[in-house]
Amino acid sequence: MKTAPLVGTCAAALLAFVLTGCSQDDAPASAGPAGAPRQAASSPAGLPDGIAPLGTEQQLADGAWKATVRPLQAATPPAGDSVPAGWSAARVQVDLTNTGTDIALLPETAATVRVGELGLATVPFTDKSLAGFPEPDAGTKVKPGATFTADLGVAVPPQSAGQRATVTLEATQAGLAEADAVFFEGLLPGSRAGTAPTPAATAAADSAIELGQWSPDGVRVSPLQLAADKGGRREATLELSVRNADDEPRSGMGVTLRVLVGTDLATADTASAGLGYGDAPIAPRRTATETVRVSVPSRTVPGAVTIEAEQRGARLIFEGTLK
């Protein structure tokens, strides 16, 4: 069985990414003691604890850095296919300030942007004006009190204008293996159009879970969208959503999907959100959604399909029809 790549509304993520090239601003910033405990900015009404508004500061790497994600701005899509048809482009600016008293190596930094109530994944892109972060081995140095600014580009799914954007910023200090993550939130540029879709229903405890329903513990697998036959198989896409109902960040989606077809439950494909998918931490009280690609034998359509979702040792069974 194969591990499926990202498609459609995937993230890249699906969505953590490290891009190439940036600029450094030597304007001084207030310093804080290295090793000081992180203090999130005070959350306004409507934002869960642990999520700061765009434009405010949060401490990273035990206080060695201060991070700010500025409000998102509309951007001009680059030439080529970096932005899928029907999607729009946005600019994300990230400021990292060295709060120590010594010159420091810029931490390896990744940003993931999820949009809307379902936390749909965005797709990162680069061009000459949105170069992003330097490569991890670039050895970029930042003076005490100086700020490094990265310009990032993300492709945003259709009809997302004016919806909320949750940005996960992960930074890994040189010599350390574990990343430190902070969360910011605001609105995408533009005016929101239309009405919000009706939320999907939640299956009752101890009952079968239909494709498109939420499980009681906050996992949803959408019905499969099938492409045409190709060599006896049909490519299919589905949306996998994971809801973090806790007040603490969730380490990632961490879900493996097994596609079983027919009454004999023959295994057709396997995909893992977290292996090849953007699997950044999920903010408190927020949801993450990835578009997953799998395939099924053409001879099984129409017919029954069962999706087994395994997360952290627990298994959920979703049932539906291929048509």
C-alpha atoms as a PDB file:
ATOM      1  CA  MET A   1       0.000   0.000   0.000  1.00  0.00           C
ATOM      2  CA  LYS A   2       1.214   3.496  -0.660  1.00  0.00           C
ATOM      3  CA  THR A   3       1.303   6.663   1.405  1.00  0.00           C
ATOM      4  CA  ALA A   4      -0.677   9.244  -0.517  1.00  0.00           C
ATOM      5  CA  PRO A   5       0.699  12.697  -1.460  1.00  0.00           C
ATOM      6  CA  LEU A   6      -1.008  16.026  -0.762  1.00  0.00           C
ATOM      7  CA  VAL A   7      -3.547  17.312  -3.273  1.00  0.00           C
ATOM      8  CA  GLY A   8      -6.374  19.812  -3.608  1.00  0.00           C
ATOM      9  CA  THR A   9      -6.694  21.721  -0.389  1.00  0.00           C
ATOM     10  CA  CYS A  10      -3.669  20.017   1.122  1.00  0.00           C
ATOM     11  CA  ALA A  11      -1.213  21.595   3.090  1.00  0.00           C
ATOM     12  CA  ALA A  12       1.470  21.430   2.833  1.00  0.00           C
ATOM     13  CA  ALA A  13       0.477  20.142   5.962  1.00  0.00           C
ATOM     14  CA  LEU A  14      -0.905  19.433   5.443  1.00  0.00           C
ATOM     15  CA  LEU A  15       1.107  22.597   6.055  1.00  0.00           C
ATOM     16  CA  ALA A  16       4.431  23.293   7.868  1.00  0.00           C
ATOM     17  CA  PHE A  17       7.094  24.641   5.565  1.00  0.00           C
ATOM     18  CA  VAL A  18      10.541  26.255   5.470  1.00  0.00           C
ATOM     19  CA  LEU A  19      11.189  28.498   2.472  1.00  0.00           C
ATOM     20  CA  THR A  20      14.297  30.176   1.079  1.00  0.00           C
ATOM     21  CA  GLY A  21      15.812  33.660   1.582  1.00  0.00           C
ATOM     22  CA  CYS A  22      14.740  36.704   3.751  1.00  0.00           C
ATOM     23  CA  SER A  23      15.832  40.047   5.161  1.00  0.00           C
ATOM     24  CA  GLN A  24      17.091  41.269   8.538  1.00  0.00           C
ATOM     25  CA  ASP A  25      15.988  44.476  10.219  1.00  0.00           C
ATOM     26  CA  ASP A  26      18.504  45.876  12.698  1.00  0.00           C
ATOM     27  CA  ALA A  27      15.993  48.087  14.493  1.00  0.00           C
ATOM     28  CA  PRO A  28      16.368  47.458  18.233  1.00  0.00           C
ATOM     29  CA  ALA A  29      13.732  45.589  20.163  1.00  0.00           C
ATOM     30  CA  SER A  30      13.302  45.211  23.883  1.00  0.00           C
ATOM     31  CA  ALA A  31      15.344  42.313  25.193  1.00  0.00           C
ATOM     32  CA  GLY A  32      14.157  39.614  27.549  1.00  0.00           C
ATOM     33  CA  PRO A  33      16.153  37.176  29.610  1.00  0.00           C
ATOM     34  CA  ALA A  34      17.096  33.958  27.809  1.00  0.00           C
ATOM     35  CA  GLY A  35      15.330  31.018  29.343  1.00  0.00           C
ATOM     36  CA  ALA A  36      12.391  33.074  30.593  1.00  0.00           C
ATOM     37  CA  PRO A  37       9.056  31.239  30.522  1.00  0.00           C
ATOM     38  CA  ARG A  38       6.908  31.915  27.472  1.00  0.00           C
ATOM     39  CA  GLN A  39       3.973  34.219  28.065  1.00  0.00           C
ATOM     40  CA  ALA A  40       1.279  34.271  25.393  1.00  0.00           C
ATOM     41  CA  ALA A  41      -0.304  37.599  24.593  1.00  0.00           C
ATOM     42  CA  SER A  42      -3.603  38.158  26.315  1.00  0.00           C
ATOM     43  CA  SER A  43      -6.335  36.641  24.163  1.00  0.00           C
ATOM     44  CA  PRO A  44      -9.298  38.885  23.308  1.00  0.00           C
ATOM     45  CA  ALA A  45     -12.867  37.687  23.593  1.00  0.00           C
ATOM     46  CA  GLY A  46     -13.480  34.834  21.189  1.00  0.00           C
ATOM     47  CA  LEU A  47      -9.906  33.522  21.090  1.00  0.00           C
ATOM     48  CA  PRO A  48      -8.995  30.492  23.192  1.00  0.00           C
ATOM     49  CA  ASP A  49      -6.126  30.778  25.649  1.00  0.00           C
ATOM     50  CA  GLY A  50      -2.860  30.016  23.876  1.00  0.00           C
ATOM     51  CA  ILE A  51      -3.819  31.767  20.623  1.00  0.00           C
ATOM     52  CA  ALA A  52      -2.636  35.345  20.202  1.00  0.00           C
ATOM     53  CA  PRO A  53      -4.115  37.896  17.778  1.00  0.00           C
ATOM     54  CA  LEU A  54      -2.153  38.530  14.600  1.00  0.00           C
ATOM     55  CA  GLY A  55       0.180  41.464  15.119  1.00  0.00           C
ATOM     56  CA  THR A  56       0.985  40.717  18.769  1.00  0.00           C
ATOM     57  CA  GLU A  57       4.108  39.118  20.245  1.00  0.00           C
ATOM     58  CA  GLN A  58       4.715  35.697  21.734  1.00  0.00           C
ATOM     59  CA  GLN A  59       7.874  34.234  23.206  1.00  0.00           C
ATOM     60  CA  LEU A  60       9.635  31.360  21.466  1.00  0.00           C
ATOM     61  CA  ALA A  61      12.467  29.023  22.409  1.00  0.00           C
ATOM     62  CA  ASP A  62      12.252  29.626  26.170  1.00  0.00           C
ATOM     63  CA  GLY A  63      12.217  33.383  25.691  1.00  0.00           C
ATOM     64  CA  ALA A  64      15.303  33.556  23.470  1.00  0.00           C
ATOM     65  CA  TRP A  65      13.171  34.971  20.631  1.00  0.00           C
ATOM     66  CA  LYS A  66      10.032  37.049  20.298  1.00  0.00           C
ATOM     67  CA  ALA A  67       7.732  36.142  17.405  1.00  0.00           C
ATOM     68  CA  THR A  68       5.104  38.216  15.655  1.00  0.00           C
ATOM     69  CA  VAL A  69       2.913  37.203  12.722  1.00  0.00           C
ATOM     70  CA  ARG A  70       1.538  40.300  11.036  1.00  0.00           C
ATOM     71  CA  PRO A  71      -2.033  40.425   9.665  1.00  0.00           C
ATOM     72  CA  LEU A  72      -2.294  38.569   6.357  1.00  0.00           C
ATOM     73  CA  GLN A  73      -2.401  40.574   3.138  1.00  0.00           C
ATOM     74  CA  ALA A  74      -3.571  39.764  -0.373  1.00  0.00           C
ATOM     75  CA  ALA A  75      -0.721  38.943  -2.744  1.00  0.00           C
ATOM     76  CA  THR A  76      -0.269  38.629  -6.490  1.00  0.00           C
ATOM     77  CA  PRO A  77      -0.143  34.951  -7.474  1.00  0.00           C
ATOM     78  CA  PRO A  78       3.197  33.994  -9.023  1.00  0.00           C
ATOM     79  CA  ALA A  79       3.462  32.743 -12.582  1.00  0.00           C
ATOM     80  CA  GLY A  80       3.130  28.998 -13.066  1.00  0.00           C
ATOM     81  CA  ASP A  81       1.066  26.499 -11.118  1.00  0.00           C
ATOM     82  CA  SER A  82       2.142  27.402  -7.550  1.00  0.00           C
ATOM     83  CA  VAL A  83      -1.425  28.550  -6.850  1.00  0.00           C
ATOM     84  CA  PRO A  84      -4.120  26.015  -7.868  1.00  0.00           C
ATOM     85  CA  ALA A  85      -6.880  27.194 -10.199  1.00  0.00           C
ATOM     86  CA  GLY A  86      -9.603  29.080  -8.336  1.00  0.00           C
ATOM     87  CA  TRP A  87      -7.398  29.722  -5.287  1.00  0.00           C
ATOM     88  CA  SER A  88      -6.085  33.106  -4.154  1.00  0.00           C
ATOM     89  CA  ALA A  89      -2.691  34.183  -2.819  1.00  0.00           C
ATOM     90  CA  ALA A  90      -1.862  35.735   0.545  1.00  0.00           C
ATOM     91  CA  ARG A  91       1.279  37.181   2.105  1.00  0.00           C
ATOM     92  CA  VAL A  92       2.364  36.193   5.616  1.00  0.00           C
ATOM     93  CA  GLN A  93       5.074  38.233   7.358  1.00  0.00           C
ATOM     94  CA  VAL A  94       6.846  36.751  10.370  1.00  0.00           C
ATOM     95  CA  ASP A  95       9.155  38.792  12.650  1.00  0.00           C
ATOM     96  CA  LEU A  96      11.671  37.009  14.896  1.00  0.00           C
ATOM     97  CA  THR A  97      13.528  39.210  17.376  1.00  0.00           C
ATOM     98  CA  ASN A  98      16.672  38.086  19.197  1.00  0.00           C
ATOM     99  CA  THR A  99      15.972  38.972  22.833  1.00  0.00           C
ATOM    100  CA  GLY A 100      19.356  37.795  24.121  1.00  0.00           C
ATOM    101  CA  THR A 101      22.620  39.670  24.619  1.00  0.00           C
ATOM    102  CA  ASP A 102      24.664  37.630  22.117  1.00  0.00           C
ATOM    103  CA  ILE A 103      24.563  37.092  18.369  1.00  0.00           C
ATOM    104  CA  ALA A 104      22.330  34.058  17.780  1.00  0.00           C
ATOM    105  CA  LEU A 105      21.646  31.647  14.943  1.00  0.00           C
ATOM    106  CA  LEU A 106      18.163  32.039  13.529  1.00  0.00           C
ATOM    107  CA  PRO A 107      16.138  28.996  14.607  1.00  0.00           C
ATOM    108  CA  GLU A 108      14.832  26.649  11.934  1.00  0.00           C
ATOM    109  CA  THR A 109      11.331  28.031  11.497  1.00  0.00           C
ATOM    110  CA  ALA A 110       8.179  26.749   9.820  1.00  0.00           C
ATOM    111  CA  ALA A 111       4.733  28.321   9.468  1.00  0.00           C
ATOM    112  CA  THR A 112       1.430  26.574   8.781  1.00  0.00           C
ATOM    113  CA  VAL A 113      -1.730  28.496   7.883  1.00  0.00           C
ATOM    114  CA  ARG A 114      -5.155  26.874   8.297  1.00  0.00           C
ATOM    115  CA  VAL A 115      -8.321  28.711   7.304  1.00  0.00           C
ATOM    116  CA  GLY A 116     -11.997  28.643   8.202  1.00  0.00           C
ATOM    117  CA  GLU A 117     -13.921  26.669  10.796  1.00  0.00           C
ATOM    118  CA  LEU A 118     -12.552  23.384   9.473  1.00  0.00           C
ATOM    119  CA  GLY A 119      -8.947  24.590   9.359  1.00  0.00           C
ATOM    120  CA  LEU A 120      -8.471  23.915   5.648  1.00  0.00           C
ATOM    121  CA  ALA A 121      -4.845  23.584   4.639  1.00  0.00           C
ATOM    122  CA  THR A 122      -3.135  26.232   2.527  1.00  0.00           C
ATOM    123  CA  VAL A 123      -0.299  25.609   0.063  1.00  0.00           C
ATOM    124  CA  PRO A 124       3.028  27.450   0.483  1.00  0.00           C
ATOM    125  CA  PHE A 125       4.700  29.077  -2.508  1.00  0.00           C
ATOM    126  CA  THR A 126       7.719  31.262  -3.194  1.00  0.00           C
ATOM    127  CA  ASP A 127       8.574  33.960  -5.712  1.00  0.00           C
ATOM    128  CA  LYS A 128      11.064  36.821  -5.906  1.00  0.00           C
ATOM    129  CA  SER A 129       9.101  39.045  -3.511  1.00  0.00           C
ATOM    130  CA  LEU A 130       8.030  36.261  -1.090  1.00  0.00           C
ATOM    131  CA  ALA A 131      11.217  34.318  -0.558  1.00  0.00           C
ATOM    132  CA  GLY A 132      10.453  32.964   2.903  1.00  0.00           C
ATOM    133  CA  PHE A 133      12.857  31.675   5.565  1.00  0.00           C
ATOM    134  CA  PRO A 134      16.439  30.697   4.749  1.00  0.00           C
ATOM    135  CA  GLU A 135      17.381  27.044   4.487  1.00  0.00           C
ATOM    136  CA  PRO A 136      18.116  25.437   7.895  1.00  0.00           C
ATOM    137  CA  ASP A 137      21.819  25.041   7.061  1.00  0.00           C
ATOM    138  CA  ALA A 138      22.242  28.676   5.967  1.00  0.00           C
ATOM    139  CA  GLY A 139      23.573  29.663   9.398  1.00  0.00           C
ATOM    140  CA  THR A 140      21.768  33.019   9.418  1.00  0.00           C
ATOM    141  CA  LYS A 141      22.904  35.159  12.361  1.00  0.00           C
ATOM    142  CA  VAL A 142      20.876  37.821  14.147  1.00  0.00           C
ATOM    143  CA  LYS A 143      22.367  40.530  16.381  1.00  0.00           C
ATOM    144  CA  PRO A 144      21.046  41.153  19.903  1.00  0.00           C
ATOM    145  CA  GLY A 145      17.850  43.168  19.734  1.00  0.00           C
ATOM    146  CA  ALA A 146      17.624  42.831  15.940  1.00  0.00           C
ATOM    147  CA  THR A 147      14.592  41.508  14.068  1.00  0.00           C
ATOM    148  CA  PHE A 148      14.613  39.071  11.162  1.00  0.00           C
ATOM    149  CA  THR A 149      11.579  39.381   8.880  1.00  0.00           C
ATOM    150  CA  ALA A 150      10.421  36.561   6.621  1.00  0.00           C
ATOM    151  CA  ASP A 151       7.927  37.079   3.795  1.00  0.00           C
ATOM    152  CA  LEU A 152       5.920  33.934   3.077  1.00  0.00           C
ATOM    153  CA  GLY A 153       3.388  33.156   0.378  1.00  0.00           C
ATOM    154  CA  VAL A 154       0.415  30.816   0.793  1.00  0.00           C
ATOM    155  CA  ALA A 155      -2.268  29.742  -1.666  1.00  0.00           C
ATOM    156  CA  VAL A 156      -5.698  29.954  -0.050  1.00  0.00           C
ATOM    157  CA  PRO A 157      -8.677  27.679  -0.919  1.00  0.00           C
ATOM    158  CA  PRO A 158     -11.619  29.186  -2.809  1.00  0.00           C
ATOM    159  CA  GLN A 159     -14.282  31.186  -0.946  1.00  0.00           C
ATOM    160  CA  SER A 160     -12.015  31.732   2.059  1.00  0.00           C
ATOM    161  CA  ALA A 161     -11.928  35.549   1.960  1.00  0.00           C
ATOM    162  CA  GLY A 162     -12.747  37.122   5.314  1.00  0.00           C
ATOM    163  CA  GLN A 163     -12.591  33.821   7.192  1.00  0.00           C
ATOM    164  CA  ARG A 164     -10.306  33.234  10.136  1.00  0.00           C
ATOM    165  CA  ALA A 165      -6.715  32.230   9.576  1.00  0.00           C
ATOM    166  CA  THR A 166      -4.885  30.287  12.281  1.00  0.00           C
ATOM    167  CA  VAL A 167      -1.104  30.417  11.954  1.00  0.00           C
ATOM    168  CA  THR A 168       1.095  27.850  13.690  1.00  0.00           C
ATOM    169  CA  LEU A 169       4.694  28.968  14.063  1.00  0.00           C
ATOM    170  CA  GLU A 170       7.269  26.307  14.950  1.00  0.00           C
ATOM    171  CA  ALA A 171      10.884  27.150  15.775  1.00  0.00           C
ATOM    172  CA  THR A 172      13.714  24.719  16.486  1.00  0.00           C
ATOM    173  CA  GLN A 173      16.833  26.109  18.160  1.00  0.00           C
ATOM    174  CA  ALA A 174      20.212  25.035  16.806  1.00  0.00           C
ATOM    175  CA  GLY A 175      21.316  21.813  18.487  1.00  0.00           C
ATOM    176  CA  LEU A 176      17.824  20.887  19.670  1.00  0.00           C
ATOM    177  CA  ALA A 177      15.522  18.279  18.144  1.00  0.00           C
ATOM    178  CA  GLU A 178      12.168  19.456  19.463  1.00  0.00           C
ATOM    179  CA  ALA A 179      10.344  22.459  18.034  1.00  0.00           C
ATOM    180  CA  ASP A 180       8.589  25.105  20.099  1.00  0.00           C
ATOM    181  CA  ALA A 181       5.174  26.114  18.727  1.00  0.00           C
ATOM    182  CA  VAL A 182       3.000  29.200  19.169  1.00  0.00           C
ATOM    183  CA  PHE A 183      -0.328  30.138  17.575  1.00  0.00           C
ATOM    184  CA  PHE A 184      -1.715  33.341  16.087  1.00  0.00           C
ATOM    185  CA  GLU A 185      -5.124  34.093  14.599  1.00  0.00           C
ATOM    186  CA  GLY A 186      -6.887  36.764  12.601  1.00  0.00           C
ATOM    187  CA  LEU A 187      -8.901  37.161   9.414  1.00  0.00           C
ATOM    188  CA  LEU A 188      -7.962  36.628   5.804  1.00  0.00           C
ATOM    189  CA  PRO A 189      -8.159  39.731   3.629  1.00  0.00           C
ATOM    190  CA  GLY A 190     -11.408  40.385   1.765  1.00  0.00           C
ATOM    191  CA  SER A 191     -15.098  40.186   2.565  1.00  0.00           C
ATOM    192  CA  ARG A 192     -16.727  36.919   3.478  1.00  0.00           C
ATOM    193  CA  ALA A 193     -19.202  35.821   0.809  1.00  0.00           C
ATOM    194  CA  GLY A 194     -22.306  33.691   1.258  1.00  0.00           C
ATOM    195  CA  THR A 195     -23.406  31.830   4.356  1.00  0.00           C
ATOM    196  CA  ALA A 196     -21.478  29.272   6.337  1.00  0.00           C
ATOM    197  CA  PRO A 197     -22.280  25.642   5.453  1.00  0.00           C
ATOM    198  CA  THR A 198     -24.353  23.624   7.856  1.00  0.00           C
ATOM    199  CA  PRO A 199     -22.048  21.803  10.306  1.00  0.00           C
ATOM    200  CA  ALA A 200     -21.819  18.062   9.823  1.00  0.00           C
ATOM    201  CA  ALA A 201     -23.705  15.876  12.288  1.00  0.00           C
ATOM    202  CA  THR A 202     -21.991  13.866  15.014  1.00  0.00           C
ATOM    203  CA  ALA A 203     -22.638  10.138  15.166  1.00  0.00           C
ATOM    204  CA  ALA A 204     -24.160   8.745  18.339  1.00  0.00           C
ATOM    205  CA  ALA A 205     -21.844   6.856  20.680  1.00  0.00           C
ATOM    206  CA  ASP A 206     -21.482   3.139  19.902  1.00  0.00           C
ATOM    207  CA  SER A 207     -23.214   3.491  16.515  1.00  0.00           C
ATOM    208  CA  ALA A 208     -21.890   3.196  12.962  1.00  0.00           C
ATOM    209  CA  ILE A 209     -20.231   6.391  11.688  1.00  0.00           C
ATOM    210  CA  GLU A 210     -21.223   7.390   8.176  1.00  0.00           C
ATOM    211  CA  LEU A 211     -18.734   9.084   5.868  1.00  0.00           C
ATOM    212  CA  GLY A 212     -19.286  12.825   6.333  1.00  0.00           C
ATOM    213  CA  GLN A 213     -20.223  12.520  10.015  1.00  0.00           C
ATOM    214  CA  TRP A 214     -18.052  13.429  12.980  1.00  0.00           C
ATOM    215  CA  SER A 215     -17.053  10.681  15.351  1.00  0.00           C
ATOM    216  CA  PRO A 216     -17.882  11.427  19.020  1.00  0.00           C
ATOM    217  CA  ASP A 217     -14.183  12.112  19.679  1.00  0.00           C
ATOM    218  CA  GLY A 218     -13.789  14.608  16.828  1.00  0.00           C
ATOM    219  CA  VAL A 219     -12.611  12.869  13.644  1.00  0.00           C
ATOM    220  CA  ARG A 220     -14.396  13.232  10.308  1.00  0.00           C
ATOM    221  CA  VAL A 221     -13.782  11.476   6.974  1.00  0.00           C
ATOM    222  CA  SER A 222     -15.707  12.840   3.994  1.00  0.00           C
ATOM    223  CA  PRO A 223     -17.227  10.732   1.198  1.00  0.00           C
ATOM    224  CA  LEU A 224     -14.745   9.873  -1.562  1.00  0.00           C
ATOM    225  CA  GLN A 225     -14.696  11.891  -4.773  1.00  0.00           C
ATOM    226  CA  LEU A 226     -13.763   9.539  -7.627  1.00  0.00           C
ATOM    227  CA  ALA A 227     -11.883  10.285 -10.841  1.00  0.00           C
ATOM    228  CA  ALA A 228     -12.165   8.330 -14.099  1.00  0.00           C
ATOM    229  CA  ASP A 229     -10.805   4.827 -14.574  1.00  0.00           C
ATOM    230  CA  LYS A 230      -7.096   4.606 -15.308  1.00  0.00           C
ATOM    231  CA  GLY A 231      -5.505   1.215 -15.746  1.00  0.00           C
ATOM    232  CA  GLY A 232      -8.133  -0.562 -13.692  1.00  0.00           C
ATOM    233  CA  ARG A 233      -8.015   1.831 -10.746  1.00  0.00           C
ATOM    234  CA  ARG A 234      -9.755   5.067  -9.884  1.00  0.00           C
ATOM    235  CA  GLU A 235      -8.045   7.877  -8.030  1.00  0.00           C
ATOM    236  CA  ALA A 236     -10.097   9.326  -5.189  1.00  0.00           C
ATOM    237  CA  THR A 237      -9.838  12.252  -2.802  1.00  0.00           C
ATOM    238  CA  LEU A 238     -11.336  12.671   0.654  1.00  0.00           C
ATOM    239  CA  GLU A 239     -11.117  15.240   3.417  1.00  0.00           C
ATOM    240  CA  LEU A 240      -9.792  14.190   6.804  1.00  0.00           C
ATOM    241  CA  SER A 241     -10.656  16.544   9.677  1.00  0.00           C
ATOM    242  CA  VAL A 242      -9.413  16.340  13.260  1.00  0.00           C
ATOM    243  CA  ARG A 243     -10.863  18.532  16.006  1.00  0.00           C
ATOM    244  CA  ASN A 244      -8.785  19.538  19.019  1.00  0.00           C
ATOM    245  CA  ALA A 245     -11.353  19.952  21.800  1.00  0.00           C
ATOM    246  CA  ASP A 246      -8.722  20.578  24.491  1.00  0.00           C
ATOM    247  CA  ASP A 247      -7.304  23.779  25.945  1.00  0.00           C
ATOM    248  CA  GLU A 248      -3.793  22.579  25.080  1.00  0.00           C
ATOM    249  CA  PRO A 249      -2.270  22.143  21.587  1.00  0.00           C
ATOM    250  CA  ARG A 250      -2.571  18.755  19.924  1.00  0.00           C
ATOM    251  CA  SER A 251       0.754  17.482  18.576  1.00  0.00           C
ATOM    252  CA  GLY A 252      -0.707  16.840  15.097  1.00  0.00           C
ATOM    253  CA  MET A 253      -3.315  14.858  13.214  1.00  0.00           C
ATOM    254  CA  GLY A 254      -1.455  11.550  13.480  1.00  0.00           C
ATOM    255  CA  VAL A 255      -4.156   9.553  11.693  1.00  0.00           C
ATOM    256  CA  THR A 256      -3.661   6.542   9.405  1.00  0.00           C
ATOM    257  CA  LEU A 257      -6.475   5.751   6.981  1.00  0.00           C
ATOM    258  CA  ARG A 258      -7.111   2.300   5.528  1.00  0.00           C
ATOM    259  CA  VAL A 259      -9.541   2.053   2.619  1.00  0.00           C
ATOM    260  CA  LEU A 260     -11.440  -1.260   2.599  1.00  0.00           C
ATOM    261  CA  VAL A 261     -13.759  -2.132  -0.282  1.00  0.00           C
ATOM    262  CA  GLY A 262     -16.586  -4.620  -0.846  1.00  0.00           C
ATOM    263  CA  THR A 263     -18.256  -6.936   1.597  1.00  0.00           C
ATOM    264  CA  ASP A 264     -15.005  -8.847   2.059  1.00  0.00           C
ATOM    265  CA  LEU A 265     -13.252  -5.649   3.260  1.00  0.00           C
ATOM    266  CA  ALA A 266     -10.322  -6.015   0.884  1.00  0.00           C
ATOM    267  CA  THR A 267      -7.634  -3.392   1.498  1.00  0.00           C
ATOM    268  CA  ALA A 268      -7.517  -0.945  -1.424  1.00  0.00           C
ATOM    269  CA  ASP A 269      -5.130   1.716  -0.119  1.00  0.00           C
ATOM    270  CA  THR A 270      -3.523   3.305   2.937  1.00  0.00           C
ATOM    271  CA  ALA A 271      -2.619   6.925   3.698  1.00  0.00           C
ATOM    272  CA  SER A 272      -1.114   8.545   6.783  1.00  0.00           C
ATOM    273  CA  ALA A 273      -1.718  12.156   7.752  1.00  0.00           C
ATOM    274  CA  GLY A 274       1.667  13.006   9.197  1.00  0.00           C
ATOM    275  CA  LEU A 275       3.801  11.106   6.653  1.00  0.00           C
ATOM    276  CA  GLY A 276       4.001  13.363   3.630  1.00  0.00           C
ATOM    277  CA  TYR A 277       1.196  15.553   4.951  1.00  0.00           C
ATOM    278  CA  GLY A 278       1.354  18.855   6.786  1.00  0.00           C
ATOM    279  CA  ASP A 279       1.057  17.647  10.359  1.00  0.00           C
ATOM    280  CA  ALA A 280       1.802  20.749  12.390  1.00  0.00           C
ATOM    281  CA  PRO A 281       0.350  21.012  15.904  1.00  0.00           C
ATOM    282  CA  ILE A 282      -3.357  21.852  16.073  1.00  0.00           C
ATOM    283  CA  ALA A 283      -4.195  24.960  18.089  1.00  0.00           C
ATOM    284  CA  PRO A 284      -6.401  24.702  21.189  1.00  0.00           C
ATOM    285  CA  ARG A 285     -10.111  24.511  20.363  1.00  0.00           C
ATOM    286  CA  ARG A 286      -9.389  24.441  16.637  1.00  0.00           C
ATOM    287  CA  THR A 287      -9.737  21.947  13.760  1.00  0.00           C
ATOM    288  CA  ALA A 288      -7.318  20.829  11.040  1.00  0.00           C
ATOM    289  CA  THR A 289      -8.372  19.446   7.651  1.00  0.00           C
ATOM    290  CA  GLU A 290      -6.247  17.809   4.958  1.00  0.00           C
ATOM    291  CA  THR A 291      -7.261  16.579   1.519  1.00  0.00           C
ATOM    292  CA  VAL A 292      -6.006  13.018   1.097  1.00  0.00           C
ATOM    293  CA  ARG A 293      -5.571  11.085  -2.159  1.00  0.00           C
ATOM    294  CA  VAL A 294      -6.118   7.348  -2.341  1.00  0.00           C
ATOM    295  CA  SER A 295      -7.216   4.932  -5.087  1.00  0.00           C
ATOM    296  CA  VAL A 296      -9.608   1.982  -5.395  1.00  0.00           C
ATOM    297  CA  PRO A 297     -10.058  -0.818  -7.957  1.00  0.00           C
ATOM    298  CA  SER A 298     -12.481   0.255 -10.676  1.00  0.00           C
ATOM    299  CA  ARG A 299     -14.401  -3.006 -10.360  1.00  0.00           C
ATOM    300  CA  THR A 300     -15.464  -2.052  -6.810  1.00  0.00           C
ATOM    301  CA  VAL A 301     -17.459   0.963  -8.047  1.00  0.00           C
ATOM    302  CA  PRO A 302     -20.333   1.140  -7.271  1.00  0.00           C
ATOM    303  CA  GLY A 303     -20.059  -0.652  -3.986  1.00  0.00           C
ATOM    304  CA  ALA A 304     -19.487  -0.461  -0.268  1.00  0.00           C
ATOM    305  CA  VAL A 305     -16.437   1.270   1.204  1.00  0.00           C
ATOM    306  CA  THR A 306     -15.183   1.232   4.770  1.00  0.00           C
ATOM    307  CA  ILE A 307     -12.538   3.636   6.081  1.00  0.00           C
ATOM    308  CA  GLU A 308     -10.614   2.582   9.153  1.00  0.00           C
ATOM    309  CA  ALA A 309      -9.058   5.603  10.883  1.00  0.00           C
ATOM    310  CA  GLU A 310      -6.378   4.799  13.439  1.00  0.00           C
ATOM    311  CA  GLN A 311      -5.172   7.534  15.751  1.00  0.00           C
ATOM    312  CA  ARG A 312      -2.816   6.915  18.634  1.00  0.00           C
ATOM    313  CA  GLY A 313      -3.846   3.311  19.041  1.00  0.00           C
ATOM    314  CA  ALA A 314      -7.600   3.888  18.787  1.00  0.00           C
ATOM    315  CA  ARG A 315      -9.541   2.800  15.697  1.00  0.00           C
ATOM    316  CA  LEU A 316     -12.667   4.335  14.198  1.00  0.00           C
ATOM    317  CA  ILE A 317     -14.767   2.773  11.441  1.00  0.00           C
ATOM    318  CA  PHE A 318     -16.483   4.947   8.809  1.00  0.00           C
ATOM    319  CA  GLU A 319     -18.936   3.447   6.347  1.00  0.00           C
ATOM    320  CA  GLY A 320     -20.156   4.649   2.962  1.00  0.00           C
ATOM    321  CA  THR A 321     -20.618   3.917  -0.721  1.00  0.00           C
ATOM    322  CA  LEU A 322     -18.430   4.340  -3.789  1.00  0.00           C
ATOM    323  CA  LYS A 323     -20.486   5.801  -6.611  1.00  0.00           C
END
